PDB file of N, CA and C in Angstrom:
ATOM      1  N   MET A   1     147.014-179.502  17.747  1.00  0.00           N
ATOM      2  CA  MET A   1     146.254-179.492  18.976  1.00  0.00           C
ATOM      3  C   MET A   1     146.760-178.362  19.857  1.00  0.00           C
ATOM      4  N   PRO A   2     145.947-177.395  20.138  1.00  0.00           N
ATOM      5  CA  PRO A   2     146.339-176.384  21.123  1.00  0.00           C
ATOM      6  C   PRO A   2     145.965-176.821  22.541  1.00  0.00           C
ATOM      7  N   PHE A   3     146.792-176.440  23.489  1.00  0.00           N
ATOM      8  CA  PHE A   3     146.516-176.657  24.916  1.00  0.00           C
ATOM      9  C   PHE A   3     146.689-175.316  25.603  1.00  0.00           C
ATOM     10  N   ILE A   4     145.679-174.904  26.364  1.00  0.00           N
ATOM     11  CA  ILE A   4     145.737-173.639  27.108  1.00  0.00           C
ATOM     12  C   ILE A   4     145.572-173.943  28.579  1.00  0.00           C
ATOM     13  N   ASN A   5     146.590-173.592  29.361  1.00  0.00           N
ATOM     14  CA  ASN A   5     146.559-173.763  30.812  1.00  0.00           C
ATOM     15  C   ASN A   5     146.493-172.378  31.448  1.00  0.00           C
ATOM     16  N   THR A   6     145.428-172.111  32.160  1.00  0.00           N
ATOM     17  CA  THR A   6     145.231-170.806  32.791  1.00  0.00           C
ATOM     18  C   THR A   6     145.430-170.943  34.289  1.00  0.00           C
ATOM     19  N   LYS A   7     146.450-170.268  34.810  1.00  0.00           N
ATOM     20  CA  LYS A   7     146.736-170.273  36.246  1.00  0.00           C
ATOM     21  C   LYS A   7     146.311-168.929  36.820  1.00  0.00           C
ATOM     22  N   THR A   8     145.559-168.980  37.906  1.00  0.00           N
ATOM     23  CA  THR A   8     145.154-167.761  38.612  1.00  0.00           C
ATOM     24  C   THR A   8     145.434-167.939  40.095  1.00  0.00           C
ATOM     25  N   ASN A   9     145.435-166.831  40.825  1.00  0.00           N
ATOM     26  CA  ASN A   9     145.642-166.909  42.268  1.00  0.00           C
ATOM     27  C   ASN A   9     144.315-166.860  43.026  1.00  0.00           C
ATOM     28  N   PHE A  10     143.240-167.250  42.354  1.00  0.00           N
ATOM     29  CA  PHE A  10     141.912-167.337  42.973  1.00  0.00           C
ATOM     30  C   PHE A  10     141.119-168.409  42.240  1.00  0.00           C
ATOM     31  N   GLU A  11     140.111-168.916  42.890  1.00  0.00           N
ATOM     32  CA  GLU A  11     139.273-169.962  42.304  1.00  0.00           C
ATOM     33  C   GLU A  11     138.314-169.363  41.279  1.00  0.00           C
ATOM     34  N   ILE A  12     138.243-169.981  40.113  1.00  0.00           N
ATOM     35  CA  ILE A  12     137.276-169.591  39.094  1.00  0.00           C
ATOM     36  C   ILE A  12     136.122-170.577  39.184  1.00  0.00           C
ATOM     37  N   ASP A  13     134.933-170.089  39.484  1.00  0.00           N
ATOM     38  CA  ASP A  13     133.801-171.009  39.656  1.00  0.00           C
ATOM     39  C   ASP A  13     133.385-171.632  38.325  1.00  0.00           C
ATOM     40  N   LYS A  14     132.589-172.698  38.420  1.00  0.00           N
ATOM     41  CA  LYS A  14     132.241-173.506  37.245  1.00  0.00           C
ATOM     42  C   LYS A  14     131.562-172.691  36.148  1.00  0.00           C
ATOM     43  N   SER A  15     130.642-171.791  36.502  1.00  0.00           N
ATOM     44  CA  SER A  15     129.945-171.016  35.466  1.00  0.00           C
ATOM     45  C   SER A  15     130.918-170.104  34.721  1.00  0.00           C
ATOM     46  N   LYS A  16     131.878-169.524  35.423  1.00  0.00           N
ATOM     47  CA  LYS A  16     132.880-168.673  34.764  1.00  0.00           C
ATOM     48  C   LYS A  16     133.850-169.509  33.940  1.00  0.00           C
ATOM     49  N   ARG A  17     134.189-170.716  34.415  1.00  0.00           N
ATOM     50  CA  ARG A  17     135.033-171.606  33.608  1.00  0.00           C
ATOM     51  C   ARG A  17     134.333-171.971  32.306  1.00  0.00           C
ATOM     52  N   GLU A  18     133.041-172.209  32.373  1.00  0.00           N
ATOM     53  CA  GLU A  18     132.272-172.535  31.164  1.00  0.00           C
ATOM     54  C   GLU A  18     132.277-171.357  30.184  1.00  0.00           C
ATOM     55  N   GLU A  19     132.152-170.138  30.716  1.00  0.00           N
ATOM     56  CA  GLU A  19     132.197-168.951  29.870  1.00  0.00           C
ATOM     57  C   GLU A  19     133.579-168.782  29.246  1.00  0.00           C
ATOM     58  N   LEU A  20     134.622-169.039  30.026  1.00  0.00           N
ATOM     59  CA  LEU A  20     135.989-168.962  29.497  1.00  0.00           C
ATOM     60  C   LEU A  20     136.221-170.054  28.455  1.00  0.00           C
ATOM     61  N   LYS A  21     135.722-171.256  28.714  1.00  0.00           N
ATOM     62  CA  LYS A  21     135.854-172.362  27.765  1.00  0.00           C
ATOM     63  C   LYS A  21     135.260-171.972  26.417  1.00  0.00           C
ATOM     64  N   LYS A  22     134.075-171.399  26.447  1.00  0.00           N
ATOM     65  CA  LYS A  22     133.411-170.960  25.217  1.00  0.00           C
ATOM     66  C   LYS A  22     134.241-169.869  24.516  1.00  0.00           C
ATOM     67  N   GLY A  23     134.705-168.886  25.286  1.00  0.00           N
ATOM     68  CA  GLY A  23     135.490-167.788  24.721  1.00  0.00           C
ATOM     69  C   GLY A  23     136.820-168.237  24.154  1.00  0.00           C
ATOM     70  N   PHE A  24     137.535-169.128  24.864  1.00  0.00           N
ATOM     71  CA  PHE A  24     138.793-169.666  24.348  1.00  0.00           C
ATOM     72  C   PHE A  24     138.530-170.447  23.063  1.00  0.00           C
ATOM     73  N   GLY A  25     137.423-171.203  23.043  1.00  0.00           N
ATOM     74  CA  GLY A  25     137.068-171.977  21.859  1.00  0.00           C
ATOM     75  C   GLY A  25     136.848-171.103  20.643  1.00  0.00           C
ATOM     76  N   GLU A  26     136.225-169.943  20.850  1.00  0.00           N
ATOM     77  CA  GLU A  26     136.004-168.999  19.744  1.00  0.00           C
ATOM     78  C   GLU A  26     137.311-168.310  19.351  1.00  0.00           C
ATOM     79  N   ALA A  27     138.100-167.917  20.341  1.00  0.00           N
ATOM     80  CA  ALA A  27     139.320-167.142  20.083  1.00  0.00           C
ATOM     81  C   ALA A  27     140.410-167.959  19.404  1.00  0.00           C
ATOM     82  N   ILE A  28     140.469-169.273  19.664  1.00  0.00           N
ATOM     83  CA  ILE A  28     141.579-170.069  19.119  1.00  0.00           C
ATOM     84  C   ILE A  28     141.568-170.086  17.596  1.00  0.00           C
ATOM     85  N   SER A  29     140.412-169.876  16.990  1.00  0.00           N
ATOM     86  CA  SER A  29     140.354-169.864  15.518  1.00  0.00           C
ATOM     87  C   SER A  29     141.061-168.651  14.924  1.00  0.00           C
ATOM     88  N   THR A  30     141.462-167.701  15.770  1.00  0.00           N
ATOM     89  CA  THR A  30     142.277-166.561  15.342  1.00  0.00           C
ATOM     90  C   THR A  30     143.603-167.055  14.770  1.00  0.00           C
ATOM     91  N   ILE A  31     144.070-168.181  15.295  1.00  0.00           N
ATOM     92  CA  ILE A  31     145.345-168.754  14.858  1.00  0.00           C
ATOM     93  C   ILE A  31     145.045-169.749  13.739  1.00  0.00           C
ATOM     94  N   PRO A  32     145.511-169.481  12.518  1.00  0.00           N
ATOM     95  CA  PRO A  32     145.202-170.355  11.381  1.00  0.00           C
ATOM     96  C   PRO A  32     145.511-171.825  11.662  1.00  0.00           C
ATOM     97  N   GLY A  33     144.574-172.685  11.291  1.00  0.00           N
ATOM     98  CA  GLY A  33     144.737-174.122  11.467  1.00  0.00           C
ATOM     99  C   GLY A  33     144.349-174.632  12.830  1.00  0.00           C
ATOM    100  N   LYS A  34     143.938-173.753  13.745  1.00  0.00           N
ATOM    101  CA  LYS A  34     143.557-174.169  15.101  1.00  0.00           C
ATOM    102  C   LYS A  34     142.046-173.983  15.270  1.00  0.00           C
ATOM    103  N   SER A  35     141.442-174.890  16.037  1.00  0.00           N
ATOM    104  CA  SER A  35     139.997-174.799  16.246  1.00  0.00           C
ATOM    105  C   SER A  35     139.620-175.391  17.600  1.00  0.00           C
ATOM    106  N   GLU A  36     138.407-175.105  18.015  1.00  0.00           N
ATOM    107  CA  GLU A  36     137.907-175.634  19.279  1.00  0.00           C
ATOM    108  C   GLU A  36     137.839-177.158  19.238  1.00  0.00           C
ATOM    109  N   GLY A  37     137.682-177.729  18.031  1.00  0.00           N
ATOM    110  CA  GLY A  37     137.564-179.169  17.885  1.00  0.00           C
ATOM    111  C   GLY A  37     138.758-179.958  18.389  1.00  0.00           C
ATOM    112  N   SER A  38     139.912-179.320  18.524  1.00  0.00           N
ATOM    113  CA  SER A  38     141.095-180.009  19.033  1.00  0.00           C
ATOM    114  C   SER A  38     141.695-179.293  20.253  1.00  0.00           C
ATOM    115  N   LEU A  39     140.943-178.380  20.835  1.00  0.00           N
ATOM    116  CA  LEU A  39     141.437-177.564  21.944  1.00  0.00           C
ATOM    117  C   LEU A  39     141.294-178.287  23.282  1.00  0.00           C
ATOM    118  N   MET A  40     142.377-178.291  24.070  1.00  0.00           N
ATOM    119  CA  MET A  40     142.347-178.814  25.430  1.00  0.00           C
ATOM    120  C   MET A  40     142.606-177.645  26.379  1.00  0.00           C
ATOM    121  N   LEU A  41     141.839-177.594  27.468  1.00  0.00           N
ATOM    122  CA  LEU A  41     141.964-176.510  28.451  1.00  0.00           C
ATOM    123  C   LEU A  41     142.195-177.066  29.850  1.00  0.00           C
ATOM    124  N   ALA A  42     142.897-176.301  30.673  1.00  0.00           N
ATOM    125  CA  ALA A  42     143.037-176.594  32.095  1.00  0.00           C
ATOM    126  C   ALA A  42     142.983-175.269  32.848  1.00  0.00           C
ATOM    127  N   PHE A  43     142.441-175.330  34.057  1.00  0.00           N
ATOM    128  CA  PHE A  43     142.381-174.156  34.928  1.00  0.00           C
ATOM    129  C   PHE A  43     142.982-174.548  36.270  1.00  0.00           C
ATOM    130  N   GLU A  44     143.931-173.742  36.738  1.00  0.00           N
ATOM    131  CA  GLU A  44     144.596-174.004  38.012  1.00  0.00           C
ATOM    132  C   GLU A  44     144.492-172.789  38.921  1.00  0.00           C
ATOM    133  N   ASN A  45     144.347-173.059  40.213  1.00  0.00           N
ATOM    134  CA  ASN A  45     144.358-172.022  41.240  1.00  0.00           C
ATOM    135  C   ASN A  45     145.589-172.287  42.101  1.00  0.00           C
ATOM    136  N   CYS A  46     146.492-171.300  42.206  1.00  0.00           N
ATOM    137  CA  CYS A  46     147.697-171.476  43.003  1.00  0.00           C
ATOM    138  C   CYS A  46     148.184-170.115  43.501  1.00  0.00           C
ATOM    139  N   PRO A  47     148.939-170.095  44.605  1.00  0.00           N
ATOM    140  CA  PRO A  47     149.517-168.830  45.052  1.00  0.00           C
ATOM    141  C   PRO A  47     150.445-168.290  43.968  1.00  0.00           C
ATOM    142  N   MET A  48     150.388-166.980  43.726  1.00  0.00           N
ATOM    143  CA  MET A  48     151.233-166.365  42.716  1.00  0.00           C
ATOM    144  C   MET A  48     151.765-165.034  43.241  1.00  0.00           C
ATOM    145  N   TYR A  49     153.019-164.767  42.905  1.00  0.00           N
ATOM    146  CA  TYR A  49     153.667-163.523  43.289  1.00  0.00           C
ATOM    147  C   TYR A  49     154.257-162.890  42.034  1.00  0.00           C
ATOM    148  N   PHE A  50     154.289-161.573  42.010  1.00  0.00           N
ATOM    149  CA  PHE A  50     154.939-160.863  40.919  1.00  0.00           C
ATOM    150  C   PHE A  50     155.676-159.683  41.521  1.00  0.00           C
ATOM    151  N   LYS A  51     156.959-159.554  41.169  1.00  0.00           N
ATOM    152  CA  LYS A  51     157.824-158.501  41.713  1.00  0.00           C
ATOM    153  C   LYS A  51     157.839-158.537  43.240  1.00  0.00           C
ATOM    154  N   GLY A  52     157.811-159.763  43.798  1.00  0.00           N
ATOM    155  CA  GLY A  52     157.882-159.944  45.238  1.00  0.00           C
ATOM    156  C   GLY A  52     156.595-159.644  45.977  1.00  0.00           C
ATOM    157  N   GLN A  53     155.540-159.373  45.256  1.00  0.00           N
ATOM    158  CA  GLN A  53     154.269-158.993  45.874  1.00  0.00           C
ATOM    159  C   GLN A  53     153.159-159.968  45.475  1.00  0.00           C
ATOM    160  N   GLU A  54     152.223-160.165  46.392  1.00  0.00           N
ATOM    161  CA  GLU A  54     150.995-160.861  46.032  1.00  0.00           C
ATOM    162  C   GLU A  54     150.057-159.830  45.441  1.00  0.00           C
ATOM    163  N   LYS A  55     149.393-160.193  44.374  1.00  0.00           N
ATOM    164  CA  LYS A  55     148.420-159.285  43.752  1.00  0.00           C
ATOM    165  C   LYS A  55     147.036-159.812  44.085  1.00  0.00           C
ATOM    166  N   GLU A  56     146.057-158.917  44.039  1.00  0.00           N
ATOM    167  CA  GLU A  56     144.692-159.344  44.335  1.00  0.00           C
ATOM    168  C   GLU A  56     144.225-160.391  43.332  1.00  0.00           C
ATOM    169  N   LYS A  57     144.419-160.105  42.049  1.00  0.00           N
ATOM    170  CA  LYS A  57     144.074-161.042  40.982  1.00  0.00           C
ATOM    171  C   LYS A  57     145.148-160.963  39.912  1.00  0.00           C
ATOM    172  N   ILE A  58     145.634-162.143  39.506  1.00  0.00           N
ATOM    173  CA  ILE A  58     146.651-162.215  38.471  1.00  0.00           C
ATOM    174  C   ILE A  58     146.456-163.529  37.711  1.00  0.00           C
ATOM    175  N   ALA A  59     146.879-163.568  36.458  1.00  0.00           N
ATOM    176  CA  ALA A  59     146.763-164.802  35.671  1.00  0.00           C
ATOM    177  C   ALA A  59     148.000-164.996  34.809  1.00  0.00           C
ATOM    178  N   PHE A  60     148.358-166.259  34.630  1.00  0.00           N
ATOM    179  CA  PHE A  60     149.418-166.662  33.715  1.00  0.00           C
ATOM    180  C   PHE A  60     148.815-167.704  32.794  1.00  0.00           C
ATOM    181  N   VAL A  61     148.782-167.406  31.504  1.00  0.00           N
ATOM    182  CA  VAL A  61     148.138-168.267  30.516  1.00  0.00           C
ATOM    183  C   VAL A  61     149.223-168.873  29.635  1.00  0.00           C
ATOM    184  N   GLU A  62     149.324-170.197  29.649  1.00  0.00           N
ATOM    185  CA  GLU A  62     150.284-170.911  28.818  1.00  0.00           C
ATOM    186  C   GLU A  62     149.552-171.484  27.609  1.00  0.00           C
ATOM    187  N   VAL A  63     150.019-171.127  26.436  1.00  0.00           N
ATOM    188  CA  VAL A  63     149.411-171.588  25.193  1.00  0.00           C
ATOM    189  C   VAL A  63     150.436-172.450  24.467  1.00  0.00           C
ATOM    190  N   MET A  64     150.133-173.739  24.333  1.00  0.00           N
ATOM    191  CA  MET A  64     151.010-174.657  23.607  1.00  0.00           C
ATOM    192  C   MET A  64     150.346-174.966  22.272  1.00  0.00           C
ATOM    193  N   LEU A  65     151.106-174.802  21.209  1.00  0.00           N
ATOM    194  CA  LEU A  65     150.591-175.012  19.857  1.00  0.00           C
ATOM    195  C   LEU A  65     151.425-176.059  19.149  1.00  0.00           C
ATOM    196  N   TYR A  66     150.769-177.005  18.516  1.00  0.00           N
ATOM    197  CA  TYR A  66     151.479-177.963  17.679  1.00  0.00           C
ATOM    198  C   TYR A  66     151.868-177.253  16.389  1.00  0.00           C
ATOM    199  N   GLY A  67     153.152-177.217  16.100  1.00  0.00           N
ATOM    200  CA  GLY A  67     153.643-176.545  14.911  1.00  0.00           C
ATOM    201  C   GLY A  67     153.896-175.065  15.143  1.00  0.00           C
ATOM    202  N   ARG A  68     154.003-174.334  14.074  1.00  0.00           N
ATOM    203  CA  ARG A  68     154.309-172.897  14.123  1.00  0.00           C
ATOM    204  C   ARG A  68     153.042-172.083  13.918  1.00  0.00           C
ATOM    205  N   ALA A  69     153.077-170.851  14.418  1.00  0.00           N
ATOM    206  CA  ALA A  69     151.948-169.938  14.244  1.00  0.00           C
ATOM    207  C   ALA A  69     152.467-168.545  13.906  1.00  0.00           C
ATOM    208  N   ASP A  70     151.683-167.814  13.178  1.00  0.00           N
ATOM    209  CA  ASP A  70     151.988-166.446  12.789  1.00  0.00           C
ATOM    210  C   ASP A  70     151.988-165.535  14.018  1.00  0.00           C
ATOM    211  N   ARG A  71     153.011-164.711  14.148  1.00  0.00           N
ATOM    212  CA  ARG A  71     153.127-163.811  15.316  1.00  0.00           C
ATOM    213  C   ARG A  71     151.957-162.823  15.393  1.00  0.00           C
ATOM    214  N   GLY A  72     151.488-162.339  14.251  1.00  0.00           N
ATOM    215  CA  GLY A  72     150.348-161.424  14.250  1.00  0.00           C
ATOM    216  C   GLY A  72     149.098-162.090  14.792  1.00  0.00           C
ATOM    217  N   ALA A  73     148.882-163.359  14.412  1.00  0.00           N
ATOM    218  CA  ALA A  73     147.730-164.107  14.911  1.00  0.00           C
ATOM    219  C   ALA A  73     147.846-164.334  16.419  1.00  0.00           C
ATOM    220  N   MET A  74     149.065-164.617  16.884  1.00  0.00           N
ATOM    221  CA  MET A  74     149.267-164.797  18.328  1.00  0.00           C
ATOM    222  C   MET A  74     148.982-163.495  19.071  1.00  0.00           C
ATOM    223  N   ASN A  75     149.407-162.380  18.500  1.00  0.00           N
ATOM    224  CA  ASN A  75     149.155-161.088  19.126  1.00  0.00           C
ATOM    225  C   ASN A  75     147.651-160.820  19.218  1.00  0.00           C
ATOM    226  N   GLU A  76     146.924-161.122  18.151  1.00  0.00           N
ATOM    227  CA  GLU A  76     145.469-160.948  18.168  1.00  0.00           C
ATOM    228  C   GLU A  76     144.824-161.866  19.208  1.00  0.00           C
ATOM    229  N   PHE A  77     145.308-163.107  19.290  1.00  0.00           N
ATOM    230  CA  PHE A  77     144.784-164.058  20.270  1.00  0.00           C
ATOM    231  C   PHE A  77     145.038-163.554  21.693  1.00  0.00           C
ATOM    232  N   THR A  78     146.237-163.021  21.949  1.00  0.00           N
ATOM    233  CA  THR A  78     146.550-162.473  23.277  1.00  0.00           C
ATOM    234  C   THR A  78     145.556-161.384  23.654  1.00  0.00           C
ATOM    235  N   GLY A  79     145.248-160.490  22.727  1.00  0.00           N
ATOM    236  CA  GLY A  79     144.273-159.438  22.991  1.00  0.00           C
ATOM    237  C   GLY A  79     142.914-160.001  23.356  1.00  0.00           C
ATOM    238  N   LYS A  80     142.485-161.030  22.618  1.00  0.00           N
ATOM    239  CA  LYS A  80     141.181-161.644  22.901  1.00  0.00           C
ATOM    240  C   LYS A  80     141.173-162.341  24.262  1.00  0.00           C
ATOM    241  N   VAL A  81     142.257-163.041  24.579  1.00  0.00           N
ATOM    242  CA  VAL A  81     142.353-163.748  25.858  1.00  0.00           C
ATOM    243  C   VAL A  81     142.334-162.759  27.027  1.00  0.00           C
ATOM    244  N   CYS A  82     143.095-161.694  26.918  1.00  0.00           N
ATOM    245  CA  CYS A  82     143.147-160.707  27.991  1.00  0.00           C
ATOM    246  C   CYS A  82     141.794-160.026  28.176  1.00  0.00           C
ATOM    247  N   SER A  83     141.153-159.686  27.099  1.00  0.00           N
ATOM    248  CA  SER A  83     139.824-159.070  27.162  1.00  0.00           C
ATOM    249  C   SER A  83     138.809-160.028  27.773  1.00  0.00           C
ATOM    250  N   LEU A  84     138.844-161.283  27.360  1.00  0.00           N
ATOM    251  CA  LEU A  84     137.926-162.291  27.882  1.00  0.00           C
ATOM    252  C   LEU A  84     138.122-162.498  29.382  1.00  0.00           C
ATOM    253  N   LEU A  85     139.367-162.689  29.807  1.00  0.00           N
ATOM    254  CA  LEU A  85     139.635-162.898  31.236  1.00  0.00           C
ATOM    255  C   LEU A  85     139.240-161.685  32.068  1.00  0.00           C
ATOM    256  N   ASN A  86     139.480-160.494  31.534  1.00  0.00           N
ATOM    257  CA  ASN A  86     139.069-159.279  32.239  1.00  0.00           C
ATOM    258  C   ASN A  86     137.556-159.226  32.398  1.00  0.00           C
ATOM    259  N   ARG A  87     136.839-159.495  31.332  1.00  0.00           N
ATOM    260  CA  ARG A  87     135.375-159.426  31.359  1.00  0.00           C
ATOM    261  C   ARG A  87     134.768-160.480  32.284  1.00  0.00           C
ATOM    262  N   VAL A  88     135.288-161.699  32.226  1.00  0.00           N
ATOM    263  CA  VAL A  88     134.690-162.808  32.982  1.00  0.00           C
ATOM    264  C   VAL A  88     135.128-162.820  34.448  1.00  0.00           C
ATOM    265  N   THR A  89     136.398-162.494  34.724  1.00  0.00           N
ATOM    266  CA  THR A  89     136.915-162.644  36.091  1.00  0.00           C
ATOM    267  C   THR A  89     137.270-161.336  36.785  1.00  0.00           C
ATOM    268  N   GLY A  90     137.360-160.252  36.022  1.00  0.00           N
ATOM    269  CA  GLY A  90     137.728-158.971  36.626  1.00  0.00           C
ATOM    270  C   GLY A  90     139.217-158.752  36.790  1.00  0.00           C
ATOM    271  N   ILE A  91     140.052-159.634  36.246  1.00  0.00           N
ATOM    272  CA  ILE A  91     141.507-159.427  36.317  1.00  0.00           C
ATOM    273  C   ILE A  91     141.856-158.267  35.390  1.00  0.00           C
ATOM    274  N   ASN A  92     142.644-157.322  35.877  1.00  0.00           N
ATOM    275  CA  ASN A  92     143.125-156.235  35.026  1.00  0.00           C
ATOM    276  C   ASN A  92     143.961-156.826  33.901  1.00  0.00           C
ATOM    277  N   GLU A  93     143.761-156.326  32.684  1.00  0.00           N
ATOM    278  CA  GLU A  93     144.515-156.848  31.547  1.00  0.00           C
ATOM    279  C   GLU A  93     146.023-156.718  31.758  1.00  0.00           C
ATOM    280  N   SER A  94     146.451-155.712  32.503  1.00  0.00           N
ATOM    281  CA  SER A  94     147.882-155.530  32.770  1.00  0.00           C
ATOM    282  C   SER A  94     148.417-156.566  33.759  1.00  0.00           C
ATOM    283  N   ASP A  95     147.543-157.379  34.341  1.00  0.00           N
ATOM    284  CA  ASP A  95     147.944-158.445  35.260  1.00  0.00           C
ATOM    285  C   ASP A  95     147.706-159.829  34.662  1.00  0.00           C
ATOM    286  N   ILE A  96     147.586-159.889  33.342  1.00  0.00           N
ATOM    287  CA  ILE A  96     147.418-161.158  32.630  1.00  0.00           C
ATOM    288  C   ILE A  96     148.629-161.338  31.720  1.00  0.00           C
ATOM    289  N   TYR A  97     149.346-162.424  31.922  1.00  0.00           N
ATOM    290  CA  TYR A  97     150.545-162.711  31.154  1.00  0.00           C
ATOM    291  C   TYR A  97     150.297-163.962  30.317  1.00  0.00           C
ATOM    292  N   VAL A  98     150.701-163.915  29.056  1.00  0.00           N
ATOM    293  CA  VAL A  98     150.462-165.010  28.129  1.00  0.00           C
ATOM    294  C   VAL A  98     151.801-165.487  27.573  1.00  0.00           C
ATOM    295  N   LYS A  99     152.022-166.787  27.657  1.00  0.00           N
ATOM    296  CA  LYS A  99     153.255-167.405  27.140  1.00  0.00           C
ATOM    297  C   LYS A  99     152.872-168.391  26.041  1.00  0.00           C
ATOM    298  N   TYR A 100     153.621-168.354  24.951  1.00  0.00           N
ATOM    299  CA  TYR A 100     153.388-169.277  23.838  1.00  0.00           C
ATOM    300  C   TYR A 100     154.548-170.265  23.739  1.00  0.00           C
ATOM    301  N   GLU A 101     154.199-171.487  23.404  1.00  0.00           N
ATOM    302  CA  GLU A 101     155.205-172.501  23.130  1.00  0.00           C
ATOM    303  C   GLU A 101     154.770-173.254  21.875  1.00  0.00           C
ATOM    304  N   GLU A 102     155.637-173.258  20.885  1.00  0.00           N
ATOM    305  CA  GLU A 102     155.365-173.980  19.649  1.00  0.00           C
ATOM    306  C   GLU A 102     156.037-175.353  19.754  1.00  0.00           C
ATOM    307  N   VAL A 103     155.239-176.401  19.667  1.00  0.00           N
ATOM    308  CA  VAL A 103     155.703-177.760  19.895  1.00  0.00           C
ATOM    309  C   VAL A 103     155.852-178.481  18.553  1.00  0.00           C
ATOM    310  N   GLU A 104     157.023-179.058  18.314  1.00  0.00           N
ATOM    311  CA  GLU A 104     157.290-179.757  17.057  1.00  0.00           C
ATOM    312  C   GLU A 104     156.730-181.179  17.050  1.00  0.00           C
ATOM    313  N   VAL A 105     156.723-181.833  18.203  1.00  0.00           N
ATOM    314  CA  VAL A 105     156.245-183.210  18.290  1.00  0.00           C
ATOM    315  C   VAL A 105     155.184-183.284  19.375  1.00  0.00           C
ATOM    316  N   TRP A 106     154.050-183.912  19.028  1.00  0.00           N
ATOM    317  CA  TRP A 106     152.952-184.076  19.984  1.00  0.00           C
ATOM    318  C   TRP A 106     152.485-185.514  19.867  1.00  0.00           C
ATOM    319  N   GLY A 107     152.276-186.167  20.988  1.00  0.00           N
ATOM    320  CA  GLY A 107     151.844-187.555  20.980  1.00  0.00           C
ATOM    321  C   GLY A 107     150.433-187.715  21.519  1.00  0.00           C
ATOM    322  N   CYS A 108     149.733-188.719  20.994  1.00  0.00           N
ATOM    323  CA  CYS A 108     148.381-189.040  21.455  1.00  0.00           C
ATOM    324  C   CYS A 108     148.046-190.458  20.998  1.00  0.00           C
ATOM    325  N   GLY A 109     147.386-191.207  21.841  1.00  0.00           N
ATOM    326  CA  GLY A 109     146.931-192.535  21.452  1.00  0.00           C
ATOM    327  C   GLY A 109     148.050-193.513  21.144  1.00  0.00           C
ATOM    328  N   GLY A 110     149.205-193.314  21.731  1.00  0.00           N
ATOM    329  CA  GLY A 110     150.301-194.240  21.557  1.00  0.00           C
ATOM    330  C   GLY A 110     151.262-193.920  20.427  1.00  0.00           C
ATOM    331  N   SER A 111     151.057-192.804  19.732  1.00  0.00           N
ATOM    332  CA  SER A 111     152.002-192.415  18.673  1.00  0.00           C
ATOM    333  C   SER A 111     152.107-190.905  18.588  1.00  0.00           C
ATOM    334  N   ASN A 112     153.069-190.443  17.815  1.00  0.00           N
ATOM    335  CA  ASN A 112     153.296-189.002  17.644  1.00  0.00           C
ATOM    336  C   ASN A 112     152.820-188.548  16.283  1.00  0.00           C
ATOM    337  N   PHE A 113     152.551-187.269  16.216  1.00  0.00           N
ATOM    338  CA  PHE A 113     152.216-186.675  14.915  1.00  0.00           C
ATOM    339  C   PHE A 113     152.942-185.366  14.772  1.00  0.00           C
TER     340      PHE A 113
END
């Protein structure tokens, strides 16, 4: 199960969230064994600073993956995510940061897998 949490320093309206949802759903298949069918997404708006400065638009994307993933696939996914966010929201790709976390244990429905 992948989980993608996208934090921005501005509100993303519903139509743009829907476009991002669709794009993330397509892009996640870049990572072998991952699909939109098990993808969970969240979008957060919060104040953000980088190098002591507020930026006009910035994003921090946290990608949590159950199990391990190929680094090349993650690199390709990062490119797709940055391109998608730039196209949909206008954030410069150089102001989009992506963090990956590979999770060994994930629980759902009262048990772990």
